[in-house]
Amino acid sequence: MPFMSVLNESLRQHVQLAVLEGDEAVVVERLSAKHAVGVVSRVGGRLPLHASGVGKVLLAHAGQQEIDRVLAKPLAKLTPASITDPYALARELADVRTQGFAMVREETSAGADSVAAAVTAPTGEVIAALSVVVPSRTVSLSSLAPAVVAAAKGVSGAMRKMG
């Protein structure tokens, strides 16, 4: 929570933590500012793996068998920006693994962009994804990435100390 709180207080937008469950990302925690952009997610709610920042991070690190299974299914077009081409999504997932974060621009809901990064267990396994959701076209997503990655690493480090 301290790492999520710092992001929430500095950006005054949504900060959320999600885990992989089946073919979806489940939001397990979210901090929101009073005037944050409207979003479809809520604690306990589910987000698509192919069209959300947390979903892309979780899917990118889920293993090739899981990726292939998700890519074999039709990918829903939630907004005009949603990626529905499995080859394009596979390339984007490779980029997520390479760069260490995902950027989503209005793929889940119009008017909302996000940056997400992986939270790892002491074993190095990706167990969650942390994201910031901001109003579209108000900030450079790549400029937010270092803070989101640092917060995710902070959460990962705190988990290592816990056990």
N, C-alpha and C. Protein backbone atom coordinates (compact mmCIF):
# COMPACT_ATOMS: atom_id res chain seq x y z
N MET A 1 0.80 -1.21 0.00
CA MET A 1 0.00 0.00 0.00
C MET A 1 0.85 1.28 0.00
N PRO A 2 1.97 1.32 0.71
CA PRO A 2 2.73 2.57 0.69
C PRO A 2 3.16 2.97 -0.72
N PHE A 3 3.53 2.01 -1.55
CA PHE A 3 3.99 2.31 -2.90
C PHE A 3 2.82 2.78 -3.77
N MET A 4 1.68 2.16 -3.60
CA MET A 4 0.49 2.58 -4.33
C MET A 4 0.06 3.98 -3.88
N SER A 5 0.16 4.24 -2.58
CA SER A 5 -0.24 5.54 -2.04
C SER A 5 0.61 6.68 -2.60
N VAL A 6 1.90 6.45 -2.71
CA VAL A 6 2.79 7.48 -3.26
C VAL A 6 2.38 7.83 -4.69
N LEU A 7 2.14 6.82 -5.50
CA LEU A 7 1.70 7.08 -6.89
C LEU A 7 0.36 7.80 -6.91
N ASN A 8 -0.56 7.35 -6.10
CA ASN A 8 -1.89 7.94 -6.05
C ASN A 8 -1.82 9.41 -5.63
N GLU A 9 -1.05 9.69 -4.60
CA GLU A 9 -0.93 11.06 -4.10
C GLU A 9 -0.22 11.98 -5.08
N SER A 10 0.79 11.46 -5.78
CA SER A 10 1.53 12.32 -6.70
C SER A 10 0.80 12.55 -8.02
N LEU A 11 0.07 11.54 -8.50
CA LEU A 11 -0.61 11.68 -9.79
C LEU A 11 -2.08 12.07 -9.66
N ARG A 12 -2.66 11.81 -8.51
CA ARG A 12 -4.07 12.09 -8.27
C ARG A 12 -4.98 11.41 -9.30
N GLN A 13 -4.66 10.16 -9.55
CA GLN A 13 -5.44 9.33 -10.47
C GLN A 13 -5.59 7.95 -9.84
N HIS A 14 -6.05 6.98 -10.61
CA HIS A 14 -6.23 5.63 -10.12
C HIS A 14 -4.90 4.87 -10.11
N VAL A 15 -4.68 4.11 -9.06
CA VAL A 15 -3.57 3.17 -8.98
C VAL A 15 -4.21 1.85 -8.60
N GLN A 16 -3.92 0.81 -9.37
CA GLN A 16 -4.57 -0.46 -9.08
C GLN A 16 -3.60 -1.63 -9.14
N LEU A 17 -3.96 -2.66 -8.41
CA LEU A 17 -3.18 -3.89 -8.34
C LEU A 17 -4.11 -5.02 -8.77
N ALA A 18 -3.64 -5.85 -9.69
CA ALA A 18 -4.46 -6.94 -10.21
C ALA A 18 -3.67 -8.24 -10.27
N VAL A 19 -4.40 -9.34 -10.21
CA VAL A 19 -3.81 -10.67 -10.32
C VAL A 19 -4.50 -11.42 -11.46
N LEU A 20 -3.81 -12.44 -11.95
CA LEU A 20 -4.34 -13.26 -13.03
C LEU A 20 -5.29 -14.31 -12.45
N GLU A 21 -6.46 -14.41 -13.04
CA GLU A 21 -7.40 -15.46 -12.69
C GLU A 21 -8.09 -15.91 -13.97
N GLY A 22 -7.75 -17.09 -14.42
CA GLY A 22 -8.31 -17.58 -15.67
C GLY A 22 -7.86 -16.72 -16.84
N ASP A 23 -8.82 -16.24 -17.60
CA ASP A 23 -8.53 -15.39 -18.76
C ASP A 23 -8.75 -13.92 -18.48
N GLU A 24 -8.68 -13.54 -17.21
CA GLU A 24 -8.92 -12.14 -16.84
C GLU A 24 -7.95 -11.69 -15.75
N ALA A 25 -7.86 -10.37 -15.64
CA ALA A 25 -7.13 -9.77 -14.53
C ALA A 25 -8.18 -9.33 -13.50
N VAL A 26 -7.97 -9.71 -12.26
CA VAL A 26 -8.90 -9.34 -11.19
C VAL A 26 -8.25 -8.23 -10.36
N VAL A 27 -8.94 -7.12 -10.22
CA VAL A 27 -8.43 -5.99 -9.44
C VAL A 27 -8.60 -6.33 -7.96
N VAL A 28 -7.48 -6.40 -7.24
CA VAL A 28 -7.53 -6.75 -5.82
C VAL A 28 -7.39 -5.53 -4.91
N GLU A 29 -6.92 -4.43 -5.47
CA GLU A 29 -6.82 -3.18 -4.70
C GLU A 29 -6.81 -2.01 -5.67
N ARG A 30 -7.44 -0.91 -5.26
CA ARG A 30 -7.40 0.29 -6.08
C ARG A 30 -7.49 1.50 -5.18
N LEU A 31 -6.63 2.46 -5.44
CA LEU A 31 -6.70 3.76 -4.78
C LEU A 31 -7.10 4.77 -5.85
N SER A 32 -8.04 5.63 -5.52
CA SER A 32 -8.52 6.60 -6.50
C SER A 32 -8.56 8.00 -5.90
N ALA A 33 -8.25 8.97 -6.71
CA ALA A 33 -8.37 10.36 -6.29
C ALA A 33 -9.78 10.85 -6.60
N LYS A 34 -10.17 11.91 -5.95
CA LYS A 34 -11.53 12.42 -6.06
C LYS A 34 -11.94 12.71 -7.51
N HIS A 35 -11.08 13.34 -8.26
CA HIS A 35 -11.43 13.75 -9.63
C HIS A 35 -10.69 12.93 -10.68
N ALA A 36 -10.41 11.67 -10.37
CA ALA A 36 -9.71 10.80 -11.32
C ALA A 36 -10.62 10.47 -12.50
N VAL A 37 -9.99 10.11 -13.59
CA VAL A 37 -10.72 9.75 -14.80
C VAL A 37 -11.68 8.59 -14.52
N GLY A 38 -12.83 8.58 -15.18
CA GLY A 38 -13.77 7.48 -15.03
C GLY A 38 -13.20 6.20 -15.62
N VAL A 39 -13.35 5.10 -14.91
CA VAL A 39 -12.84 3.80 -15.38
C VAL A 39 -13.89 2.71 -15.16
N VAL A 40 -13.72 1.61 -15.87
CA VAL A 40 -14.63 0.48 -15.73
C VAL A 40 -14.22 -0.46 -14.61
N SER A 41 -13.01 -0.34 -14.12
CA SER A 41 -12.52 -1.28 -13.11
C SER A 41 -13.00 -0.89 -11.72
N ARG A 42 -13.07 -1.90 -10.86
CA ARG A 42 -13.40 -1.73 -9.45
C ARG A 42 -12.75 -2.88 -8.69
N VAL A 43 -12.58 -2.74 -7.41
CA VAL A 43 -12.01 -3.83 -6.62
C VAL A 43 -12.92 -5.04 -6.73
N GLY A 44 -12.33 -6.16 -7.06
CA GLY A 44 -13.09 -7.38 -7.29
C GLY A 44 -13.57 -7.53 -8.72
N GLY A 45 -13.42 -6.46 -9.50
CA GLY A 45 -13.83 -6.49 -10.89
C GLY A 45 -12.79 -7.15 -11.77
N ARG A 46 -13.21 -7.47 -12.98
CA ARG A 46 -12.35 -8.18 -13.92
C ARG A 46 -12.06 -7.31 -15.14
N LEU A 47 -10.82 -7.41 -15.61
CA LEU A 47 -10.38 -6.68 -16.80
C LEU A 47 -9.87 -7.67 -17.83
N PRO A 48 -10.03 -7.35 -19.10
CA PRO A 48 -9.54 -8.25 -20.14
C PRO A 48 -8.01 -8.25 -20.20
N LEU A 49 -7.46 -9.41 -20.45
CA LEU A 49 -6.00 -9.52 -20.54
C LEU A 49 -5.47 -8.79 -21.77
N HIS A 50 -6.19 -8.79 -22.86
CA HIS A 50 -5.69 -8.25 -24.12
C HIS A 50 -5.84 -6.73 -24.25
N ALA A 51 -6.63 -6.10 -23.36
CA ALA A 51 -6.93 -4.68 -23.58
C ALA A 51 -6.68 -3.80 -22.36
N SER A 52 -6.11 -4.34 -21.31
CA SER A 52 -5.82 -3.53 -20.13
C SER A 52 -4.32 -3.59 -19.83
N GLY A 53 -3.82 -2.55 -19.19
CA GLY A 53 -2.40 -2.54 -18.84
C GLY A 53 -2.02 -3.69 -17.93
N VAL A 54 -2.80 -3.86 -16.85
CA VAL A 54 -2.49 -4.96 -15.93
C VAL A 54 -2.65 -6.30 -16.62
N GLY A 55 -3.65 -6.41 -17.47
CA GLY A 55 -3.87 -7.66 -18.20
C GLY A 55 -2.72 -8.02 -19.11
N LYS A 56 -2.21 -7.02 -19.83
CA LYS A 56 -1.09 -7.28 -20.75
C LYS A 56 0.17 -7.69 -19.99
N VAL A 57 0.41 -7.08 -18.86
CA VAL A 57 1.59 -7.46 -18.06
C VAL A 57 1.43 -8.90 -17.57
N LEU A 58 0.27 -9.22 -17.04
CA LEU A 58 0.05 -10.58 -16.53
C LEU A 58 0.12 -11.61 -17.64
N LEU A 59 -0.48 -11.31 -18.78
CA LEU A 59 -0.46 -12.25 -19.90
C LEU A 59 0.96 -12.40 -20.46
N ALA A 60 1.68 -11.30 -20.57
CA ALA A 60 3.04 -11.35 -21.13
C ALA A 60 3.95 -12.27 -20.34
N HIS A 61 3.68 -12.41 -19.05
CA HIS A 61 4.52 -13.22 -18.17
C HIS A 61 3.87 -14.54 -17.75
N ALA A 62 2.76 -14.88 -18.39
CA ALA A 62 2.01 -16.08 -17.99
C ALA A 62 2.57 -17.37 -18.57
N GLY A 63 3.45 -17.27 -19.54
CA GLY A 63 3.98 -18.47 -20.19
C GLY A 63 3.38 -18.65 -21.57
N GLN A 64 4.12 -19.27 -22.44
CA GLN A 64 3.72 -19.37 -23.84
C GLN A 64 2.43 -20.15 -24.03
N GLN A 65 2.22 -21.19 -23.25
CA GLN A 65 0.99 -21.98 -23.40
C GLN A 65 -0.25 -21.13 -23.09
N GLU A 66 -0.18 -20.33 -22.04
CA GLU A 66 -1.29 -19.44 -21.68
C GLU A 66 -1.48 -18.36 -22.75
N ILE A 67 -0.38 -17.79 -23.22
CA ILE A 67 -0.48 -16.77 -24.27
C ILE A 67 -1.14 -17.36 -25.51
N ASP A 68 -0.68 -18.53 -25.94
CA ASP A 68 -1.26 -19.17 -27.12
C ASP A 68 -2.75 -19.45 -26.94
N ARG A 69 -3.14 -19.86 -25.75
CA ARG A 69 -4.54 -20.16 -25.48
C ARG A 69 -5.40 -18.90 -25.60
N VAL A 70 -4.92 -17.79 -25.04
CA VAL A 70 -5.67 -16.53 -25.11
C VAL A 70 -5.71 -16.01 -26.54
N LEU A 71 -4.58 -16.10 -27.24
CA LEU A 71 -4.53 -15.59 -28.62
C LEU A 71 -5.37 -16.42 -29.58
N ALA A 72 -5.67 -17.66 -29.23
CA ALA A 72 -6.48 -18.52 -30.09
C ALA A 72 -7.96 -18.16 -30.04
N LYS A 73 -8.37 -17.42 -29.02
CA LYS A 73 -9.77 -17.04 -28.86
C LYS A 73 -10.01 -15.68 -29.53
N PRO A 74 -11.25 -15.39 -29.89
CA PRO A 74 -11.55 -14.04 -30.41
C PRO A 74 -11.26 -12.99 -29.34
N LEU A 75 -10.62 -11.91 -29.74
CA LEU A 75 -10.28 -10.82 -28.82
C LEU A 75 -11.34 -9.72 -28.99
N ALA A 76 -12.06 -9.43 -27.92
CA ALA A 76 -13.17 -8.48 -27.97
C ALA A 76 -12.69 -7.06 -28.28
N LYS A 77 -13.44 -6.37 -29.11
CA LYS A 77 -13.16 -4.97 -29.44
C LYS A 77 -13.99 -4.11 -28.48
N LEU A 78 -13.37 -3.70 -27.38
CA LEU A 78 -14.06 -2.92 -26.35
C LEU A 78 -14.19 -1.46 -26.73
N THR A 79 -13.20 -0.95 -27.46
CA THR A 79 -13.20 0.42 -27.97
C THR A 79 -12.58 0.36 -29.37
N PRO A 80 -12.65 1.43 -30.13
CA PRO A 80 -11.99 1.43 -31.44
C PRO A 80 -10.48 1.17 -31.35
N ALA A 81 -9.87 1.43 -30.20
CA ALA A 81 -8.42 1.25 -30.05
C ALA A 81 -8.02 -0.15 -29.58
N SER A 82 -8.98 -0.98 -29.19
CA SER A 82 -8.66 -2.33 -28.70
C SER A 82 -7.95 -3.14 -29.78
N ILE A 83 -6.88 -3.83 -29.38
CA ILE A 83 -6.15 -4.70 -30.30
C ILE A 83 -6.88 -6.03 -30.37
N THR A 84 -7.32 -6.40 -31.57
CA THR A 84 -8.03 -7.67 -31.75
C THR A 84 -7.27 -8.64 -32.65
N ASP A 85 -6.18 -8.19 -33.22
CA ASP A 85 -5.34 -9.04 -34.07
C ASP A 85 -4.37 -9.81 -33.18
N PRO A 86 -4.46 -11.15 -33.15
CA PRO A 86 -3.59 -11.92 -32.26
C PRO A 86 -2.10 -11.73 -32.54
N TYR A 87 -1.73 -11.52 -33.80
CA TYR A 87 -0.31 -11.30 -34.13
C TYR A 87 0.18 -9.96 -33.59
N ALA A 88 -0.66 -8.94 -33.69
CA ALA A 88 -0.29 -7.62 -33.15
C ALA A 88 -0.17 -7.69 -31.63
N LEU A 89 -1.09 -8.42 -31.00
CA LEU A 89 -1.03 -8.55 -29.55
C LEU A 89 0.20 -9.34 -29.13
N ALA A 90 0.54 -10.39 -29.84
CA ALA A 90 1.73 -11.18 -29.52
C ALA A 90 2.99 -10.31 -29.59
N ARG A 91 3.07 -9.44 -30.60
CA ARG A 91 4.21 -8.52 -30.70
C ARG A 91 4.24 -7.56 -29.52
N GLU A 92 3.07 -7.07 -29.14
CA GLU A 92 3.01 -6.14 -28.01
C GLU A 92 3.41 -6.83 -26.70
N LEU A 93 3.00 -8.07 -26.53
CA LEU A 93 3.38 -8.81 -25.32
C LEU A 93 4.88 -9.03 -25.25
N ALA A 94 5.50 -9.27 -26.41
CA ALA A 94 6.96 -9.39 -26.46
C ALA A 94 7.61 -8.07 -26.05
N ASP A 95 7.04 -6.96 -26.50
CA ASP A 95 7.55 -5.64 -26.11
C ASP A 95 7.42 -5.43 -24.60
N VAL A 96 6.31 -5.86 -24.03
CA VAL A 96 6.10 -5.72 -22.58
C VAL A 96 7.20 -6.46 -21.83
N ARG A 97 7.51 -7.67 -22.27
CA ARG A 97 8.58 -8.43 -21.60
C ARG A 97 9.93 -7.74 -21.77
N THR A 98 10.19 -7.15 -22.92
CA THR A 98 11.47 -6.49 -23.19
C THR A 98 11.62 -5.19 -22.42
N GLN A 99 10.59 -4.34 -22.48
CA GLN A 99 10.71 -3.01 -21.87
C GLN A 99 10.36 -2.98 -20.38
N GLY A 100 9.64 -4.00 -19.90
CA GLY A 100 9.34 -4.08 -18.47
C GLY A 100 8.05 -3.40 -18.05
N PHE A 101 7.26 -2.96 -18.99
CA PHE A 101 5.98 -2.33 -18.67
C PHE A 101 5.07 -2.36 -19.88
N ALA A 102 3.78 -2.16 -19.64
CA ALA A 102 2.78 -2.09 -20.71
C ALA A 102 2.19 -0.69 -20.74
N MET A 103 1.89 -0.21 -21.92
CA MET A 103 1.17 1.05 -22.09
C MET A 103 -0.09 0.77 -22.89
N VAL A 104 -1.22 1.25 -22.40
CA VAL A 104 -2.51 1.04 -23.06
C VAL A 104 -3.17 2.39 -23.25
N ARG A 105 -3.57 2.64 -24.48
CA ARG A 105 -4.21 3.92 -24.82
C ARG A 105 -5.65 3.66 -25.27
N GLU A 106 -6.57 3.94 -24.39
CA GLU A 106 -8.01 3.85 -24.66
C GLU A 106 -8.46 2.49 -25.21
N GLU A 107 -7.83 1.42 -24.77
CA GLU A 107 -8.21 0.09 -25.25
C GLU A 107 -9.32 -0.55 -24.42
N THR A 108 -9.39 -0.22 -23.14
CA THR A 108 -10.44 -0.77 -22.29
C THR A 108 -11.63 0.17 -22.23
N SER A 109 -11.36 1.46 -22.08
CA SER A 109 -12.43 2.45 -22.06
C SER A 109 -11.92 3.75 -22.68
N ALA A 110 -12.80 4.39 -23.43
CA ALA A 110 -12.46 5.66 -24.07
C ALA A 110 -12.13 6.69 -23.00
N GLY A 111 -11.10 7.47 -23.26
CA GLY A 111 -10.72 8.53 -22.35
C GLY A 111 -9.76 8.12 -21.25
N ALA A 112 -9.36 6.84 -21.21
CA ALA A 112 -8.47 6.37 -20.14
C ALA A 112 -7.28 5.61 -20.73
N ASP A 113 -6.09 6.00 -20.28
CA ASP A 113 -4.84 5.34 -20.66
C ASP A 113 -4.22 4.75 -19.40
N SER A 114 -3.33 3.78 -19.57
CA SER A 114 -2.67 3.24 -18.38
C SER A 114 -1.26 2.77 -18.69
N VAL A 115 -0.49 2.72 -17.62
CA VAL A 115 0.85 2.15 -17.64
C VAL A 115 0.87 1.12 -16.52
N ALA A 116 1.40 -0.07 -16.82
CA ALA A 116 1.43 -1.14 -15.82
C ALA A 116 2.78 -1.84 -15.82
N ALA A 117 3.13 -2.38 -14.66
CA ALA A 117 4.39 -3.12 -14.51
C ALA A 117 4.15 -4.33 -13.61
N ALA A 118 5.07 -5.28 -13.69
CA ALA A 118 4.94 -6.55 -12.97
C ALA A 118 5.38 -6.45 -11.52
N VAL A 119 4.66 -7.17 -10.68
CA VAL A 119 5.03 -7.40 -9.29
C VAL A 119 5.45 -8.86 -9.21
N THR A 120 6.62 -9.10 -8.66
CA THR A 120 7.16 -10.46 -8.62
C THR A 120 7.25 -11.01 -7.21
N ALA A 121 7.14 -12.32 -7.13
CA ALA A 121 7.32 -13.06 -5.87
C ALA A 121 8.81 -13.20 -5.61
N PRO A 122 9.18 -13.64 -4.42
CA PRO A 122 10.60 -13.87 -4.14
C PRO A 122 11.27 -14.82 -5.14
N THR A 123 10.50 -15.69 -5.77
CA THR A 123 11.05 -16.63 -6.76
C THR A 123 11.30 -15.97 -8.12
N GLY A 124 10.81 -14.73 -8.29
CA GLY A 124 10.92 -14.05 -9.58
C GLY A 124 9.69 -14.20 -10.44
N GLU A 125 8.76 -15.06 -10.03
CA GLU A 125 7.52 -15.28 -10.77
C GLU A 125 6.64 -14.03 -10.68
N VAL A 126 6.03 -13.64 -11.81
CA VAL A 126 5.11 -12.51 -11.82
C VAL A 126 3.81 -12.96 -11.19
N ILE A 127 3.42 -12.27 -10.10
CA ILE A 127 2.22 -12.66 -9.37
C ILE A 127 1.13 -11.60 -9.40
N ALA A 128 1.46 -10.40 -9.86
CA ALA A 128 0.48 -9.32 -9.92
C ALA A 128 1.00 -8.26 -10.87
N ALA A 129 0.13 -7.31 -11.16
CA ALA A 129 0.52 -6.15 -11.97
C ALA A 129 -0.02 -4.90 -11.31
N LEU A 130 0.78 -3.87 -11.32
CA LEU A 130 0.44 -2.57 -10.74
C LEU A 130 0.29 -1.58 -11.87
N SER A 131 -0.77 -0.77 -11.84
CA SER A 131 -0.95 0.20 -12.91
C SER A 131 -1.43 1.54 -12.40
N VAL A 132 -1.22 2.53 -13.24
CA VAL A 132 -1.76 3.86 -13.06
C VAL A 132 -2.68 4.10 -14.25
N VAL A 133 -3.85 4.63 -13.99
CA VAL A 133 -4.80 4.96 -15.05
C VAL A 133 -4.99 6.48 -15.04
N VAL A 134 -4.79 7.09 -16.20
CA VAL A 134 -4.84 8.55 -16.32
C VAL A 134 -5.76 8.94 -17.48
N PRO A 135 -6.23 10.18 -17.50
CA PRO A 135 -7.03 10.63 -18.64
C PRO A 135 -6.18 10.61 -19.92
N SER A 136 -6.78 10.17 -20.99
CA SER A 136 -6.06 10.09 -22.28
C SER A 136 -5.50 11.43 -22.70
N ARG A 137 -4.32 11.35 -23.28
CA ARG A 137 -3.64 12.50 -23.88
C ARG A 137 -3.37 13.65 -22.90
N THR A 138 -3.25 13.35 -21.61
CA THR A 138 -2.94 14.41 -20.65
C THR A 138 -1.50 14.35 -20.17
N VAL A 139 -0.85 13.20 -20.38
CA VAL A 139 0.52 13.02 -19.93
C VAL A 139 1.17 11.97 -20.83
N SER A 140 2.46 12.08 -21.00
CA SER A 140 3.20 11.08 -21.76
C SER A 140 3.27 9.80 -20.93
N LEU A 141 2.74 8.72 -21.49
CA LEU A 141 2.75 7.46 -20.75
C LEU A 141 4.17 6.99 -20.50
N SER A 142 5.06 7.20 -21.44
CA SER A 142 6.45 6.77 -21.24
C SER A 142 7.11 7.54 -20.10
N SER A 143 6.64 8.76 -19.82
CA SER A 143 7.21 9.50 -18.69
C SER A 143 6.71 8.95 -17.35
N LEU A 144 5.55 8.29 -17.36
CA LEU A 144 5.03 7.67 -16.14
C LEU A 144 5.66 6.31 -15.85
N ALA A 145 6.16 5.67 -16.89
CA ALA A 145 6.66 4.30 -16.76
C ALA A 145 7.71 4.12 -15.67
N PRO A 146 8.72 4.98 -15.56
CA PRO A 146 9.71 4.75 -14.50
C PRO A 146 9.11 4.74 -13.09
N ALA A 147 8.15 5.61 -12.83
CA ALA A 147 7.53 5.63 -11.50
C ALA A 147 6.70 4.37 -11.25
N VAL A 148 5.99 3.90 -12.27
CA VAL A 148 5.17 2.70 -12.12
C VAL A 148 6.07 1.48 -11.93
N VAL A 149 7.13 1.39 -12.71
CA VAL A 149 8.07 0.27 -12.58
C VAL A 149 8.73 0.30 -11.19
N ALA A 150 9.11 1.48 -10.73
CA ALA A 150 9.73 1.59 -9.41
C ALA A 150 8.76 1.18 -8.31
N ALA A 151 7.50 1.58 -8.42
CA ALA A 151 6.51 1.19 -7.41
C ALA A 151 6.29 -0.33 -7.43
N ALA A 152 6.21 -0.91 -8.61
CA ALA A 152 6.04 -2.37 -8.72
C ALA A 152 7.24 -3.09 -8.12
N LYS A 153 8.43 -2.58 -8.36
CA LYS A 153 9.62 -3.17 -7.76
C LYS A 153 9.61 -3.00 -6.24
N GLY A 154 9.09 -1.87 -5.77
CA GLY A 154 8.97 -1.66 -4.33
C GLY A 154 8.04 -2.67 -3.69
N VAL A 155 6.89 -2.90 -4.33
CA VAL A 155 5.95 -3.91 -3.82
C VAL A 155 6.62 -5.28 -3.83
N SER A 156 7.32 -5.59 -4.91
CA SER A 156 8.02 -6.88 -5.02
C SER A 156 9.04 -7.03 -3.90
N GLY A 157 9.80 -5.98 -3.65
CA GLY A 157 10.80 -6.02 -2.59
C GLY A 157 10.17 -6.20 -1.21
N ALA A 158 9.06 -5.53 -0.98
CA ALA A 158 8.36 -5.66 0.29
C ALA A 158 7.87 -7.09 0.48
N MET A 159 7.45 -7.72 -0.61
CA MET A 159 6.98 -9.10 -0.53
C MET A 159 8.14 -10.04 -0.21
N ARG A 160 9.31 -9.74 -0.75
CA ARG A 160 10.50 -10.58 -0.46
C ARG A 160 10.81 -10.53 1.04
N LYS A 161 10.69 -9.35 1.62
CA LYS A 161 10.98 -9.20 3.06
C LYS A 161 9.95 -9.93 3.92
N MET A 162 8.72 -10.06 3.38
CA MET A 162 7.65 -10.73 4.14
C MET A 162 7.82 -12.24 4.15
N GLY A 163 8.48 -12.75 3.15
CA GLY A 163 8.60 -14.18 3.23
C GLY A 163 9.15 -14.83 2.05
